C-alpha atoms as a PDB file:
ATOM      1  CA  UNK A   1       5.198 -17.750 -18.831  1.00  0.00           C
ATOM      2  CA  UNK A   2       4.406 -15.683 -21.807  1.00  0.00           C
ATOM      3  CA  UNK A   3       3.396 -12.220 -22.864  1.00  0.00           C
ATOM      4  CA  UNK A   4      -0.356 -12.926 -22.712  1.00  0.00           C
ATOM      5  CA  UNK A   5      -2.779 -10.699 -20.890  1.00  0.00           C
ATOM      6  CA  UNK A   6      -2.043  -7.418 -22.607  1.00  0.00           C
ATOM      7  CA  UNK A   7      -3.846  -4.809 -20.448  1.00  0.00           C
ATOM      8  CA  UNK A   8      -6.813  -2.967 -21.831  1.00  0.00           C
ATOM      9  CA  UNK A   9      -6.457   0.763 -22.413  1.00  0.00           C
ATOM     10  CA  UNK A  10      -8.561   3.306 -20.672  1.00  0.00           C
ATOM     11  CA  UNK A  11     -10.916   5.742 -22.418  1.00  0.00           C
ATOM     12  CA  UNK A  12      -9.950   9.291 -23.079  1.00  0.00           C
ATOM     13  CA  UNK A  13     -12.646  10.828 -20.898  1.00  0.00           C
ATOM     14  CA  UNK A  14     -11.114   9.371 -17.761  1.00  0.00           C
ATOM     15  CA  UNK A  15      -8.849  11.540 -15.657  1.00  0.00           C
ATOM     16  CA  UNK A  16      -5.602  10.073 -14.318  1.00  0.00           C
ATOM     17  CA  UNK A  17      -3.753  11.039 -11.166  1.00  0.00           C
ATOM     18  CA  UNK A  18      -0.922   8.603 -10.619  1.00  0.00           C
ATOM     19  CA  UNK A  19      -3.070   5.550 -11.245  1.00  0.00           C
ATOM     20  CA  UNK A  20      -6.261   7.131  -9.803  1.00  0.00           C
ATOM     21  CA  UNK A  21      -9.133   7.318 -12.175  1.00  0.00           C
ATOM     22  CA  UNK A  22     -12.360   9.305 -12.016  1.00  0.00           C
ATOM     23  CA  UNK A  23     -14.856  10.858 -14.374  1.00  0.00           C
ATOM     24  CA  UNK A  24     -15.469  14.591 -13.666  1.00  0.00           C
ATOM     25  CA  UNK A  25     -18.946  15.273 -12.270  1.00  0.00           C
ATOM     26  CA  UNK A  26     -19.523  11.665 -11.285  1.00  0.00           C
ATOM     27  CA  UNK A  27     -18.836   9.313  -8.349  1.00  0.00           C
ATOM     28  CA  UNK A  28     -15.197   8.350  -8.126  1.00  0.00           C
ATOM     29  CA  UNK A  29     -14.335   4.861  -9.322  1.00  0.00           C
ATOM     30  CA  UNK A  30     -10.909   3.189  -9.419  1.00  0.00           C
ATOM     31  CA  UNK A  31      -9.594   1.498 -12.579  1.00  0.00           C
ATOM     32  CA  UNK A  32      -8.900  -2.025 -11.295  1.00  0.00           C
ATOM     33  CA  UNK A  33      -7.577  -3.562 -14.509  1.00  0.00           C
ATOM     34  CA  UNK A  34      -4.141  -4.684 -13.446  1.00  0.00           C
ATOM     35  CA  UNK A  35      -1.504  -6.887 -15.080  1.00  0.00           C
ATOM     36  CA  UNK A  36      -2.744 -10.124 -13.582  1.00  0.00           C
ATOM     37  CA  UNK A  37       0.426 -12.237 -14.003  1.00  0.00           C
ATOM     38  CA  UNK A  38       1.675 -13.834 -10.752  1.00  0.00           C
ATOM     39  CA  UNK A  39       4.961 -14.971  -9.272  1.00  0.00           C
ATOM     40  CA  UNK A  40       4.261 -18.416  -7.891  1.00  0.00           C
ATOM     41  CA  UNK A  41       6.278 -21.233  -6.328  1.00  0.00           C
ATOM     42  CA  UNK A  42       6.649 -23.221  -9.540  1.00  0.00           C
ATOM     43  CA  UNK A  43       5.556 -20.737 -12.203  1.00  0.00           C
ATOM     44  CA  UNK A  44       3.733 -23.547 -13.939  1.00  0.00           C
ATOM     45  CA  UNK A  45       0.685 -21.598 -15.100  1.00  0.00           C
ATOM     46  CA  UNK A  46       0.363 -19.842 -18.414  1.00  0.00           C
ATOM     47  CA  UNK A  47       0.619 -16.446 -16.739  1.00  0.00           C
ATOM     48  CA  UNK A  48       2.789 -17.412 -13.863  1.00  0.00           C
ATOM     49  CA  UNK A  49       6.509 -16.673 -13.262  1.00  0.00           C
ATOM     50  CA  UNK A  50       8.586 -18.858 -10.947  1.00  0.00           C
ATOM     51  CA  UNK A  51       9.835 -17.638  -7.572  1.00  0.00           C
ATOM     52  CA  UNK A  52      13.625 -17.285  -7.846  1.00  0.00           C
ATOM     53  CA  UNK A  53      15.850 -15.422  -5.464  1.00  0.00           C
ATOM     54  CA  UNK A  54      17.408 -12.384  -7.009  1.00  0.00           C
ATOM     55  CA  UNK A  55      15.364 -12.552 -10.187  1.00  0.00           C
ATOM     56  CA  UNK A  56      12.808  -9.756  -9.334  1.00  0.00           C
ATOM     57  CA  UNK A  57      12.717  -6.210  -7.967  1.00  0.00           C
ATOM     58  CA  UNK A  58       9.818  -4.869  -5.986  1.00  0.00           C
ATOM     59  CA  UNK A  59       9.281  -1.294  -7.040  1.00  0.00           C
ATOM     60  CA  UNK A  60       7.248   0.401  -4.296  1.00  0.00           C
ATOM     61  CA  UNK A  61       7.046   4.075  -3.403  1.00  0.00           C
ATOM     62  CA  UNK A  62       6.886   4.651   0.339  1.00  0.00           C
ATOM     63  CA  UNK A  63       4.393   7.481  -0.225  1.00  0.00           C
ATOM     64  CA  UNK A  64       1.769   5.159  -1.738  1.00  0.00           C
ATOM     65  CA  UNK A  65      -0.526   3.173   0.602  1.00  0.00           C
ATOM     66  CA  UNK A  66      -0.923   0.270  -1.899  1.00  0.00           C
ATOM     67  CA  UNK A  67       2.850   0.000  -2.348  1.00  0.00           C
ATOM     68  CA  UNK A  68       3.426   0.429   1.441  1.00  0.00           C
ATOM     69  CA  UNK A  69       1.542  -2.838   1.971  1.00  0.00           C
ATOM     70  CA  UNK A  70       4.128  -4.713  -0.076  1.00  0.00           C
ATOM     71  CA  UNK A  71       7.041  -3.078   1.760  1.00  0.00           C
ATOM     72  CA  UNK A  72       5.520  -4.162   5.080  1.00  0.00           C
ATOM     73  CA  UNK A  73       4.830  -7.750   4.067  1.00  0.00           C
ATOM     74  CA  UNK A  74       8.302  -8.155   2.513  1.00  0.00           C
ATOM     75  CA  UNK A  75       9.814  -7.001   5.764  1.00  0.00           C
ATOM     76  CA  UNK A  76       7.571  -9.076   8.043  1.00  0.00           C
ATOM     77  CA  UNK A  77       8.412 -12.197   6.045  1.00  0.00           C
ATOM     78  CA  UNK A  78      12.137 -11.487   5.848  1.00  0.00           C
ATOM     79  CA  UNK A  79      12.383 -11.477   2.057  1.00  0.00           C
ATOM     80  CA  UNK A  80      14.957  -8.776   1.730  1.00  0.00           C
ATOM     81  CA  UNK A  81      17.698 -11.162   0.580  1.00  0.00           C
ATOM     82  CA  UNK A  82      15.621 -12.638  -2.228  1.00  0.00           C
ATOM     83  CA  UNK A  83      13.524  -9.707  -3.449  1.00  0.00           C
ATOM     84  CA  UNK A  84      15.224  -6.330  -3.927  1.00  0.00           C
ATOM     85  CA  UNK A  85      13.464  -3.070  -3.284  1.00  0.00           C
ATOM     86  CA  UNK A  86      13.353  -0.007  -5.496  1.00  0.00           C
ATOM     87  CA  UNK A  87      11.823   3.124  -4.089  1.00  0.00           C
ATOM     88  CA  UNK A  88      10.648   5.889  -6.423  1.00  0.00           C
ATOM     89  CA  UNK A  89      10.384   9.343  -4.942  1.00  0.00           C
ATOM     90  CA  UNK A  90       7.095  10.768  -3.507  1.00  0.00           C
ATOM     91  CA  UNK A  91       6.226  12.999  -6.447  1.00  0.00           C
ATOM     92  CA  UNK A  92       5.681  12.193 -10.121  1.00  0.00           C
ATOM     93  CA  UNK A  93       4.346  13.788 -13.216  1.00  0.00           C
ATOM     94  CA  UNK A  94       1.367  12.573 -15.232  1.00  0.00           C
ATOM     95  CA  UNK A  95       3.622  10.220 -17.057  1.00  0.00           C
ATOM     96  CA  UNK A  96       5.252   8.043 -14.397  1.00  0.00           C
ATOM     97  CA  UNK A  97       6.642   7.439 -10.962  1.00  0.00           C
ATOM     98  CA  UNK A  98      10.394   8.440 -11.135  1.00  0.00           C
ATOM     99  CA  UNK A  99      13.574   7.385  -9.341  1.00  0.00           C
ATOM    100  CA  UNK A 100      14.590  10.978  -8.469  1.00  0.00           C
ATOM    101  CA  UNK A 101      15.856   9.925  -5.008  1.00  0.00           C
ATOM    102  CA  UNK A 102      18.541   7.692  -6.506  1.00  0.00           C
ATOM    103  CA  UNK A 103      21.938   8.882  -7.688  1.00  0.00           C
ATOM    104  CA  UNK A 104      21.629  10.328 -11.230  1.00  0.00           C
ATOM    105  CA  UNK A 105      17.858   9.832 -11.072  1.00  0.00           C
ATOM    106  CA  UNK A 106      18.236   6.187 -12.090  1.00  0.00           C
ATOM    107  CA  UNK A 107      17.158   3.034 -10.303  1.00  0.00           C
ATOM    108  CA  UNK A 108      20.506   1.467  -9.288  1.00  0.00           C
ATOM    109  CA  UNK A 109      19.453  -1.986 -10.364  1.00  0.00           C
ATOM    110  CA  UNK A 110      17.143  -1.502 -13.353  1.00  0.00           C
ATOM    111  CA  UNK A 111      19.041   1.582 -14.619  1.00  0.00           C
ATOM    112  CA  UNK A 112      15.906   3.470 -15.617  1.00  0.00           C
ATOM    113  CA  UNK A 113      14.668   6.934 -14.732  1.00  0.00           C
ATOM    114  CA  UNK A 114      11.019   6.107 -14.854  1.00  0.00           C
ATOM    115  CA  UNK A 115       8.963   3.084 -13.811  1.00  0.00           C
ATOM    116  CA  UNK A 116       7.121   3.543 -17.101  1.00  0.00           C
ATOM    117  CA  UNK A 117      10.197   2.256 -18.844  1.00  0.00           C
ATOM    118  CA  UNK A 118       9.662  -1.237 -17.264  1.00  0.00           C
ATOM    119  CA  UNK A 119       6.003  -1.191 -18.412  1.00  0.00           C
ATOM    120  CA  UNK A 120       6.935  -0.264 -21.916  1.00  0.00           C
ATOM    121  CA  UNK A 121       9.719  -2.841 -22.067  1.00  0.00           C
ATOM    122  CA  UNK A 122       6.933  -5.505 -21.855  1.00  0.00           C
ATOM    123  CA  UNK A 123       3.985  -3.660 -23.373  1.00  0.00           C
ATOM    124  CA  UNK A 124       5.301  -1.083 -25.931  1.00  0.00           C
ATOM    125  CA  UNK A 125       1.810   0.471 -26.327  1.00  0.00           C
ATOM    126  CA  UNK A 126       0.891   0.508 -22.574  1.00  0.00           C
ATOM    127  CA  UNK A 127      -1.491   3.475 -22.126  1.00  0.00           C
ATOM    128  CA  UNK A 128      -2.841   3.098 -18.547  1.00  0.00           C
ATOM    129  CA  UNK A 129      -1.559   4.563 -15.280  1.00  0.00           C
ATOM    130  CA  UNK A 130       1.955   3.577 -14.182  1.00  0.00           C
ATOM    131  CA  UNK A 131       1.179   2.214 -10.684  1.00  0.00           C
ATOM    132  CA  UNK A 132       3.144   0.915  -7.743  1.00  0.00           C
ATOM    133  CA  UNK A 133       3.790  -1.572  -6.379  1.00  0.00           C
ATOM    134  CA  UNK A 134       5.138  -3.390  -9.417  1.00  0.00           C
ATOM    135  CA  UNK A 135       7.381  -6.409  -9.648  1.00  0.00           C
ATOM    136  CA  UNK A 136       9.991  -6.134 -12.390  1.00  0.00           C
ATOM    137  CA  UNK A 137      12.239  -8.856 -13.742  1.00  0.00           C
ATOM    138  CA  UNK A 138      15.757  -7.559 -13.208  1.00  0.00           C
ATOM    139  CA  UNK A 139      17.488  -9.218 -16.192  1.00  0.00           C
ATOM    140  CA  UNK A 140      14.998  -8.000 -18.810  1.00  0.00           C
ATOM    141  CA  UNK A 141      13.714  -4.849 -17.116  1.00  0.00           C
ATOM    142  CA  UNK A 142      10.191  -5.948 -17.872  1.00  0.00           C
ATOM    143  CA  UNK A 143       7.214  -5.434 -15.586  1.00  0.00           C
ATOM    144  CA  UNK A 144       5.774  -8.706 -14.320  1.00  0.00           C
ATOM    145  CA  UNK A 145       2.680  -7.595 -12.435  1.00  0.00           C
ATOM    146  CA  UNK A 146       1.189  -4.529 -10.714  1.00  0.00           C
ATOM    147  CA  UNK A 147      -1.680  -6.422  -9.062  1.00  0.00           C
ATOM    148  CA  UNK A 148      -1.088  -5.027  -5.577  1.00  0.00           C
ATOM    149  CA  UNK A 149      -3.597  -7.172  -3.764  1.00  0.00           C
ATOM    150  CA  UNK A 150      -2.329 -10.397  -5.251  1.00  0.00           C
ATOM    151  CA  UNK A 151       1.338  -9.443  -4.801  1.00  0.00           C
ATOM    152  CA  UNK A 152       1.209  -9.439  -1.056  1.00  0.00           C
ATOM    153  CA  UNK A 153      -0.882 -12.648  -0.842  1.00  0.00           C
ATOM    154  CA  UNK A 154       1.644 -14.373  -3.024  1.00  0.00           C
ATOM    155  CA  UNK A 155       4.569 -13.142  -0.917  1.00  0.00           C
ATOM    156  CA  UNK A 156       2.844 -14.876   1.981  1.00  0.00           C
ATOM    157  CA  UNK A 157       1.820 -18.146   0.241  1.00  0.00           C
ATOM    158  CA  UNK A 158       4.128 -18.661  -2.776  1.00  0.00           C
ATOM    159  CA  UNK A 159       7.507 -17.438  -1.408  1.00  0.00           C
ATOM    160  CA  UNK A 160       7.327 -19.578   1.751  1.00  0.00           C
ATOM    161  CA  UNK A 161      10.599 -21.400   0.989  1.00  0.00           C
ATOM    162  CA  UNK A 162      12.429 -18.142   1.446  1.00  0.00           C
ATOM    163  CA  UNK A 163      10.572 -16.733   4.500  1.00  0.00           C
ATOM    164  CA  UNK A 164      12.813 -15.964   7.522  1.00  0.00           C
ATOM    165  CA  UNK A 165      12.770 -18.258  10.537  1.00  0.00           C
ATOM    166  CA  UNK A 166       9.940 -17.043  12.772  1.00  0.00           C
ATOM    167  CA  UNK A 167       8.000 -15.303   9.975  1.00  0.00           C
ATOM    168  CA  UNK A 168       4.343 -14.854  10.818  1.00  0.00           C
ATOM    169  CA  UNK A 169       1.550 -16.560   8.892  1.00  0.00           C
ATOM    170  CA  UNK A 170      -0.164 -13.496   7.445  1.00  0.00           C
ATOM    171  CA  UNK A 171      -2.831 -15.467   5.572  1.00  0.00           C
ATOM    172  CA  UNK A 172      -3.785 -18.459   7.869  1.00  0.00           C
ATOM    173  CA  UNK A 173      -5.581 -21.220   6.026  1.00  0.00           C
ATOM    174  CA  UNK A 174      -8.257 -21.568   8.708  1.00  0.00           C
ATOM    175  CA  UNK A 175      -9.081 -17.826   8.631  1.00  0.00           C
ATOM    176  CA  UNK A 176      -9.052 -17.174   4.844  1.00  0.00           C
ATOM    177  CA  UNK A 177     -12.765 -17.272   4.236  1.00  0.00           C
ATOM    178  CA  UNK A 178     -13.511 -14.694   6.994  1.00  0.00           C
ATOM    179  CA  UNK A 179     -10.312 -12.782   6.158  1.00  0.00           C
ATOM    180  CA  UNK A 180     -11.320 -12.387   2.580  1.00  0.00           C
ATOM    181  CA  UNK A 181     -14.618 -10.836   3.582  1.00  0.00           C
ATOM    182  CA  UNK A 182     -12.928  -8.542   6.112  1.00  0.00           C
ATOM    183  CA  UNK A 183     -10.271  -7.458   3.520  1.00  0.00           C
ATOM    184  CA  UNK A 184     -12.935  -6.844   0.944  1.00  0.00           C
ATOM    185  CA  UNK A 185     -14.798  -4.544   3.402  1.00  0.00           C
ATOM    186  CA  UNK A 186     -11.540  -2.735   4.362  1.00  0.00           C
ATOM    187  CA  UNK A 187     -10.788  -2.172   0.659  1.00  0.00           C
ATOM    188  CA  UNK A 188     -14.070  -1.032  -0.600  1.00  0.00           C
ATOM    189  CA  UNK A 189     -15.147   1.030   2.448  1.00  0.00           C
ATOM    190  CA  UNK A 190     -11.850   2.410   3.864  1.00  0.00           C
ATOM    191  CA  UNK A 191      -8.850   1.997   1.567  1.00  0.00           C
ATOM    192  CA  UNK A 192     -10.805   3.120  -1.457  1.00  0.00           C
ATOM    193  CA  UNK A 193     -13.359   5.018   0.690  1.00  0.00           C
ATOM    194  CA  UNK A 194     -10.906   7.911   1.390  1.00  0.00           C
ATOM    195  CA  UNK A 195     -10.283   8.286  -2.321  1.00  0.00           C
ATOM    196  CA  UNK A 196     -14.049   8.178  -3.045  1.00  0.00           C
ATOM    197  CA  UNK A 197     -14.317  11.276  -0.796  1.00  0.00           C
ATOM    198  CA  UNK A 198     -11.198  13.053  -2.130  1.00  0.00           C
ATOM    199  CA  UNK A 199     -12.038  12.656  -5.781  1.00  0.00           C
ATOM    200  CA  UNK A 200     -15.794  12.930  -5.695  1.00  0.00           C
ATOM    201  CA  UNK A 201     -17.033  14.781  -8.754  1.00  0.00           C
ATOM    202  CA  UNK A 202     -20.106  16.372  -7.121  1.00  0.00           C
ATOM    203  CA  UNK A 203     -21.483  17.363  -3.765  1.00  0.00           C
ATOM    204  CA  UNK A 204     -23.901  14.450  -3.838  1.00  0.00           C
ATOM    205  CA  UNK A 205     -21.156  11.948  -4.595  1.00  0.00           C
ATOM    206  CA  UNK A 206     -18.979  13.414  -1.814  1.00  0.00           C
ATOM    207  CA  UNK A 207     -21.828  13.357   0.719  1.00  0.00           C
ATOM    208  CA  UNK A 208     -22.572   9.727   0.004  1.00  0.00           C
ATOM    209  CA  UNK A 209     -18.879   8.797   0.098  1.00  0.00           C
ATOM    210  CA  UNK A 210     -18.295  10.639   3.362  1.00  0.00           C
ATOM    211  CA  UNK A 211     -21.212   8.857   5.125  1.00  0.00           C
ATOM    212  CA  UNK A 212     -20.162   5.453   3.775  1.00  0.00           C
ATOM    213  CA  UNK A 213     -16.519   5.957   4.954  1.00  0.00           C
ATOM    214  CA  UNK A 214     -17.381   6.937   8.474  1.00  0.00           C
ATOM    215  CA  UNK A 215     -20.048   4.276   8.841  1.00  0.00           C
ATOM    216  CA  UNK A 216     -17.300   1.789   8.018  1.00  0.00           C
ATOM    217  CA  UNK A 217     -14.836   3.391  10.504  1.00  0.00           C
ATOM    218  CA  UNK A 218     -17.489   3.200  13.198  1.00  0.00           C
ATOM    219  CA  UNK A 219     -17.966  -0.495  12.514  1.00  0.00           C
ATOM    220  CA  UNK A 220     -14.209  -1.099  12.670  1.00  0.00           C
ATOM    221  CA  UNK A 221     -14.013   0.887  15.913  1.00  0.00           C
ATOM    222  CA  UNK A 222     -16.598  -1.407  17.419  1.00  0.00           C
ATOM    223  CA  UNK A 223     -14.786  -4.525  16.178  1.00  0.00           C
ATOM    224  CA  UNK A 224     -11.396  -3.442  17.522  1.00  0.00           C
ATOM    225  CA  UNK A 225     -12.776  -2.451  20.894  1.00  0.00           C
ATOM    226  CA  UNK A 226     -12.869  -6.071  21.991  1.00  0.00           C
ATOM    227  CA  UNK A 227     -10.101  -7.707  19.885  1.00  0.00           C
ATOM    228  CA  UNK A 228      -6.472  -6.625  19.518  1.00  0.00           C
ATOM    229  CA  UNK A 229      -6.250  -7.240  15.743  1.00  0.00           C
ATOM    230  CA  UNK A 230      -8.849  -7.530  13.012  1.00  0.00           C
ATOM    231  CA  UNK A 231      -8.774 -11.313  13.007  1.00  0.00           C
ATOM    232  CA  UNK A 232      -8.182 -11.770  16.729  1.00  0.00           C
ATOM    233  CA  UNK A 233      -4.933 -12.405  18.601  1.00  0.00           C
ATOM    234  CA  UNK A 234      -2.253 -11.961  15.889  1.00  0.00           C
ATOM    235  CA  UNK A 235      -1.387  -9.782  12.936  1.00  0.00           C
ATOM    236  CA  UNK A 236      -2.591 -10.851   9.484  1.00  0.00           C
ATOM    237  CA  UNK A 237      -2.595  -9.289   6.097  1.00  0.00           C
ATOM    238  CA  UNK A 238      -5.927  -7.736   6.934  1.00  0.00           C
ATOM    239  CA  UNK A 239      -4.140  -5.519   9.510  1.00  0.00           C
ATOM    240  CA  UNK A 240      -1.491  -4.557   6.983  1.00  0.00           C
ATOM    241  CA  UNK A 241      -4.223  -3.371   4.571  1.00  0.00           C
ATOM    242  CA  UNK A 242      -6.034  -1.303   7.158  1.00  0.00           C
ATOM    243  CA  UNK A 243      -2.923   0.153   8.718  1.00  0.00           C
ATOM    244  CA  UNK A 244      -1.631   1.869   5.514  1.00  0.00           C
ATOM    245  CA  UNK A 245      -4.826   3.937   5.344  1.00  0.00           C
ATOM    246  CA  UNK A 246      -5.002   4.689   9.034  1.00  0.00           C
ATOM    247  CA  UNK A 247      -1.452   5.936   9.231  1.00  0.00           C
ATOM    248  CA  UNK A 248      -2.157   8.459   6.457  1.00  0.00           C
ATOM    249  CA  UNK A 249      -5.550   9.512   7.876  1.00  0.00           C
ATOM    250  CA  UNK A 250      -4.684  12.548   9.960  1.00  0.00           C
ATOM    251  CA  UNK A 251      -1.691  13.756   7.945  1.00  0.00           C
ATOM    252  CA  UNK A 252      -3.540  13.562   4.615  1.00  0.00           C
ATOM    253  CA  UNK A 253      -7.031  12.217   4.281  1.00  0.00           C
ATOM    254  CA  UNK A 254      -8.686  14.284   7.062  1.00  0.00           C
ATOM    255  CA  UNK A 255      -7.836  17.595   5.368  1.00  0.00           C
ATOM    256  CA  UNK A 256      -6.714  16.913   1.782  1.00  0.00           C
ATOM    257  CA  UNK A 257      -9.498  14.440   1.059  1.00  0.00           C
ATOM    258  CA  UNK A 258     -12.109  16.217   3.221  1.00  0.00           C
ATOM    259  CA  UNK A 259     -12.547  13.110   5.474  1.00  0.00           C
ATOM    260  CA  UNK A 260     -13.118  15.468   8.415  1.00  0.00           C
ATOM    261  CA  UNK A 261     -15.977  14.182  10.544  1.00  0.00           C
ATOM    262  CA  UNK A 262     -13.343  13.039  13.016  1.00  0.00           C
ATOM    263  CA  UNK A 263      -9.576  12.472  13.126  1.00  0.00           C
ATOM    264  CA  UNK A 264      -8.070   9.084  13.755  1.00  0.00           C
ATOM    265  CA  UNK A 265      -6.898  10.270  17.166  1.00  0.00           C
ATOM    266  CA  UNK A 266     -10.632  10.727  18.062  1.00  0.00           C
ATOM    267  CA  UNK A 267     -11.402   7.012  17.691  1.00  0.00           C
ATOM    268  CA  UNK A 268     -10.103   5.386  20.885  1.00  0.00           C
ATOM    269  CA  UNK A 269      -9.920   1.770  19.583  1.00  0.00           C
ATOM    270  CA  UNK A 270      -8.681   2.635  16.088  1.00  0.00           C
ATOM    271  CA  UNK A 271      -6.142   5.084  17.366  1.00  0.00           C
ATOM    272  CA  UNK A 272      -4.814   2.557  19.962  1.00  0.00           C
ATOM    273  CA  UNK A 273      -4.845  -0.185  17.285  1.00  0.00           C
ATOM    274  CA  UNK A 274      -2.900   1.974  14.816  1.00  0.00           C
ATOM    275  CA  UNK A 275      -0.300   2.849  17.399  1.00  0.00           C
ATOM    276  CA  UNK A 276       0.044  -0.767  18.456  1.00  0.00           C
ATOM    277  CA  UNK A 277       0.867  -1.660  14.864  1.00  0.00           C
ATOM    278  CA  UNK A 278       3.100   1.411  14.251  1.00  0.00           C
ATOM    279  CA  UNK A 279       5.206   0.369  17.242  1.00  0.00           C
ATOM    280  CA  UNK A 280       5.462  -3.179  16.011  1.00  0.00           C
ATOM    281  CA  UNK A 281       8.677  -3.881  13.963  1.00  0.00           C
ATOM    282  CA  UNK A 282       7.751  -4.057  10.307  1.00  0.00           C
ATOM    283  CA  UNK A 283       5.070  -1.419  10.356  1.00  0.00           C
ATOM    284  CA  UNK A 284       6.091   2.026  11.636  1.00  0.00           C
ATOM    285  CA  UNK A 285       9.702   1.499  10.463  1.00  0.00           C
ATOM    286  CA  UNK A 286       8.450   1.518   6.875  1.00  0.00           C
ATOM    287  CA  UNK A 287       6.606   4.854   7.177  1.00  0.00           C
ATOM    288  CA  UNK A 288       7.987   8.052   5.853  1.00  0.00           C
ATOM    289  CA  UNK A 289       5.546  10.798   6.794  1.00  0.00           C
ATOM    290  CA  UNK A 290       7.421  13.491   4.881  1.00  0.00           C
ATOM    291  CA  UNK A 291       7.209  11.524   1.671  1.00  0.00           C
ATOM    292  CA  UNK A 292       3.498  10.712   2.253  1.00  0.00           C
ATOM    293  CA  UNK A 293       2.551  14.339   2.764  1.00  0.00           C
ATOM    294  CA  UNK A 294       4.681  15.550  -0.181  1.00  0.00           C
ATOM    295  CA  UNK A 295       3.123  13.027  -2.523  1.00  0.00           C
ATOM    296  CA  UNK A 296      -0.458  13.952  -1.921  1.00  0.00           C
ATOM    297  CA  UNK A 297      -0.185  17.707  -1.457  1.00  0.00           C
ATOM    298  CA  UNK A 298       2.223  18.164  -4.367  1.00  0.00           C
ATOM    299  CA  UNK A 299       0.980  15.695  -6.932  1.00  0.00           C
ATOM    300  CA  UNK A 300      -2.738  16.350  -6.520  1.00  0.00           C
ATOM    301  CA  UNK A 301      -2.712  19.972  -7.847  1.00  0.00           C
ATOM    302  CA  UNK A 302      -6.382  19.618  -8.781  1.00  0.00           C
ATOM    303  CA  UNK A 303      -7.144  19.418  -5.059  1.00  0.00           C
ATOM    304  CA  UNK A 304      -4.252  21.550  -3.810  1.00  0.00           C
ATOM    305  CA  UNK A 305      -3.389  24.043  -6.568  1.00  0.00           C
ATOM    306  CA  UNK A 306      -0.666  25.788  -4.540  1.00  0.00           C
ATOM    307  CA  UNK A 307       1.276  22.652  -3.841  1.00  0.00           C
ATOM    308  CA  UNK A 308       1.930  23.846  -0.322  1.00  0.00           C
ATOM    309  CA  UNK A 309       2.643  20.940   2.064  1.00  0.00           C
ATOM    310  CA  UNK A 310       1.256  21.515   5.538  1.00  0.00           C
ATOM    311  CA  UNK A 311       3.657  21.373   8.548  1.00  0.00           C
ATOM    312  CA  UNK A 312       1.259  19.468  10.812  1.00  0.00           C
ATOM    313  CA  UNK A 313      -0.020  17.368  12.382  1.00  0.00           C
ATOM    314  CA  UNK A 314       2.049  16.649  15.473  1.00  0.00           C
ATOM    315  CA  UNK A 315       3.270  13.031  14.922  1.00  0.00           C
ATOM    316  CA  UNK A 316       4.703  12.432  18.436  1.00  0.00           C
ATOM    317  CA  UNK A 317       1.517  10.674  19.526  1.00  0.00           C
ATOM    318  CA  UNK A 318       2.476   7.642  17.420  1.00  0.00           C
ATOM    319  CA  UNK A 319       4.981   6.696  20.113  1.00  0.00           C
ATOM    320  CA  UNK A 320       2.716   7.014  23.110  1.00  0.00           C
ATOM    321  CA  UNK A 321       1.528   3.946  25.087  1.00  0.00           C
ATOM    322  CA  UNK A 322      -1.513   2.209  23.530  1.00  0.00           C
ATOM    323  CA  UNK A 323      -2.404  -0.318  26.170  1.00  0.00           C
ATOM    324  CA  UNK A 324      -3.650  -2.768  23.658  1.00  0.00           C
ATOM    325  CA  UNK A 325      -1.762  -5.563  25.432  1.00  0.00           C
ATOM    326  CA  UNK A 326      -4.676  -5.705  27.795  1.00  0.00           C
ATOM    327  CA  UNK A 327      -6.686  -7.362  25.032  1.00  0.00           C
ATOM    328  CA  UNK A 328      -4.204 -10.239  24.983  1.00  0.00           C
ATOM    329  CA  UNK A 329      -2.761 -11.869  21.897  1.00  0.00           C
ATOM    330  CA  UNK A 330       0.705 -12.081  20.467  1.00  0.00           C
ATOM    331  CA  UNK A 331       1.390  -9.940  17.373  1.00  0.00           C
ATOM    332  CA  UNK A 332       3.518 -12.610  15.635  1.00  0.00           C
ATOM    333  CA  UNK A 333       1.680 -15.677  17.013  1.00  0.00           C
ATOM    334  CA  UNK A 334       4.232 -18.490  17.253  1.00  0.00           C
ATOM    335  CA  UNK A 335       6.713 -16.468  15.310  1.00  0.00           C
ATOM    336  CA  UNK A 336       9.089 -13.617  16.046  1.00  0.00           C
ATOM    337  CA  UNK A 337       9.531  -9.982  15.107  1.00  0.00           C
ATOM    338  CA  UNK A 338      11.736  -9.140  12.139  1.00  0.00           C
ATOM    339  CA  UNK A 339      15.226  -7.959  12.869  1.00  0.00           C
ATOM    340  CA  UNK A 340      16.553  -4.388  12.539  1.00  0.00           C
ATOM    341  CA  UNK A 341      15.823  -2.506   9.393  1.00  0.00           C
ATOM    342  CA  UNK A 342      18.704  -2.520   6.876  1.00  0.00           C
ATOM    343  CA  UNK A 343      20.665   0.639   6.855  1.00  0.00           C
ATOM    344  CA  UNK A 344      19.861   1.241   3.193  1.00  0.00           C
ATOM    345  CA  UNK A 345      16.154   0.986   3.897  1.00  0.00           C
ATOM    346  CA  UNK A 346      15.895   3.135   6.981  1.00  0.00           C
ATOM    347  CA  UNK A 347      13.327   5.930   7.048  1.00  0.00           C
ATOM    348  CA  UNK A 348      13.474   9.168   9.128  1.00  0.00           C
ATOM    349  CA  UNK A 349      11.668   9.035  12.487  1.00  0.00           C
ATOM    350  CA  UNK A 350       8.579  11.309  12.537  1.00  0.00           C
ATOM    351  CA  UNK A 351       8.970  14.689  14.256  1.00  0.00           C
END
């Protein structure tokens, strides 16, 4: 485990919005150069750190869909006792995510006001966006990785010794080839597709992004009409990845990102599927709609110069019956739901 893999720096013409990168006047693209270190069972590789209870802190803002994935997976697998959670507030400046919700504006474990401090502790000349989720070594205060896609897969496959009894298998070996294809589609067409609409630099780029996004949603609507979850009868990581975009769709992406051909509630299968997951322990109990809306509408001043946060939409529908049980399946397979949320990690119920 060394200090190899210094991240490349971005060029000056790129525009940064909390880790989102685009070039004005062109199609939106995301900077996907992450710190590629991993936390693995034995930490034997050159850029691998060993899994050790209490050694690392997961820094994950509830407002961010990419970070929300890690919060969900940590809870589903029951890793709360071995991997602590730090939650930056929903708004940040161009410099960094900040711990403004914590007493004194400092993370209570790392003792820092900005997540950037953990990045600079390891890479003093780090110049790229300060993104969440990030895993930070508690003793040194150094960032280990911010590779959000790999973080959750490693929580499922490398931290197995510390999974709770009854933890679901979120990345089943027999489904991985198909899952990888499905997750790639979900990422490129939906997770990133909403951003491609919101940060399009021209009408032509927006039109193409809009069509591409809703073509993908139509395909997912068809898939989920006949199966309860993306991979069939039980929840997998693929569902976690789709859920964090769907839960933000009507409150944010429909209006703020101009993804307005239809609302989520107008897709019968997708809306039922999203409610099914929301009402499943580990999903809806990680969602803070107020933080989600505040993040997008306040931080993205280029899209919302006034910073006004809309009062809607009505969120009560998330608790209505979804009738997805008729499709069969068991959300946790042979496992069990996670227990109650810890008091220190509870979020307000939507109103």
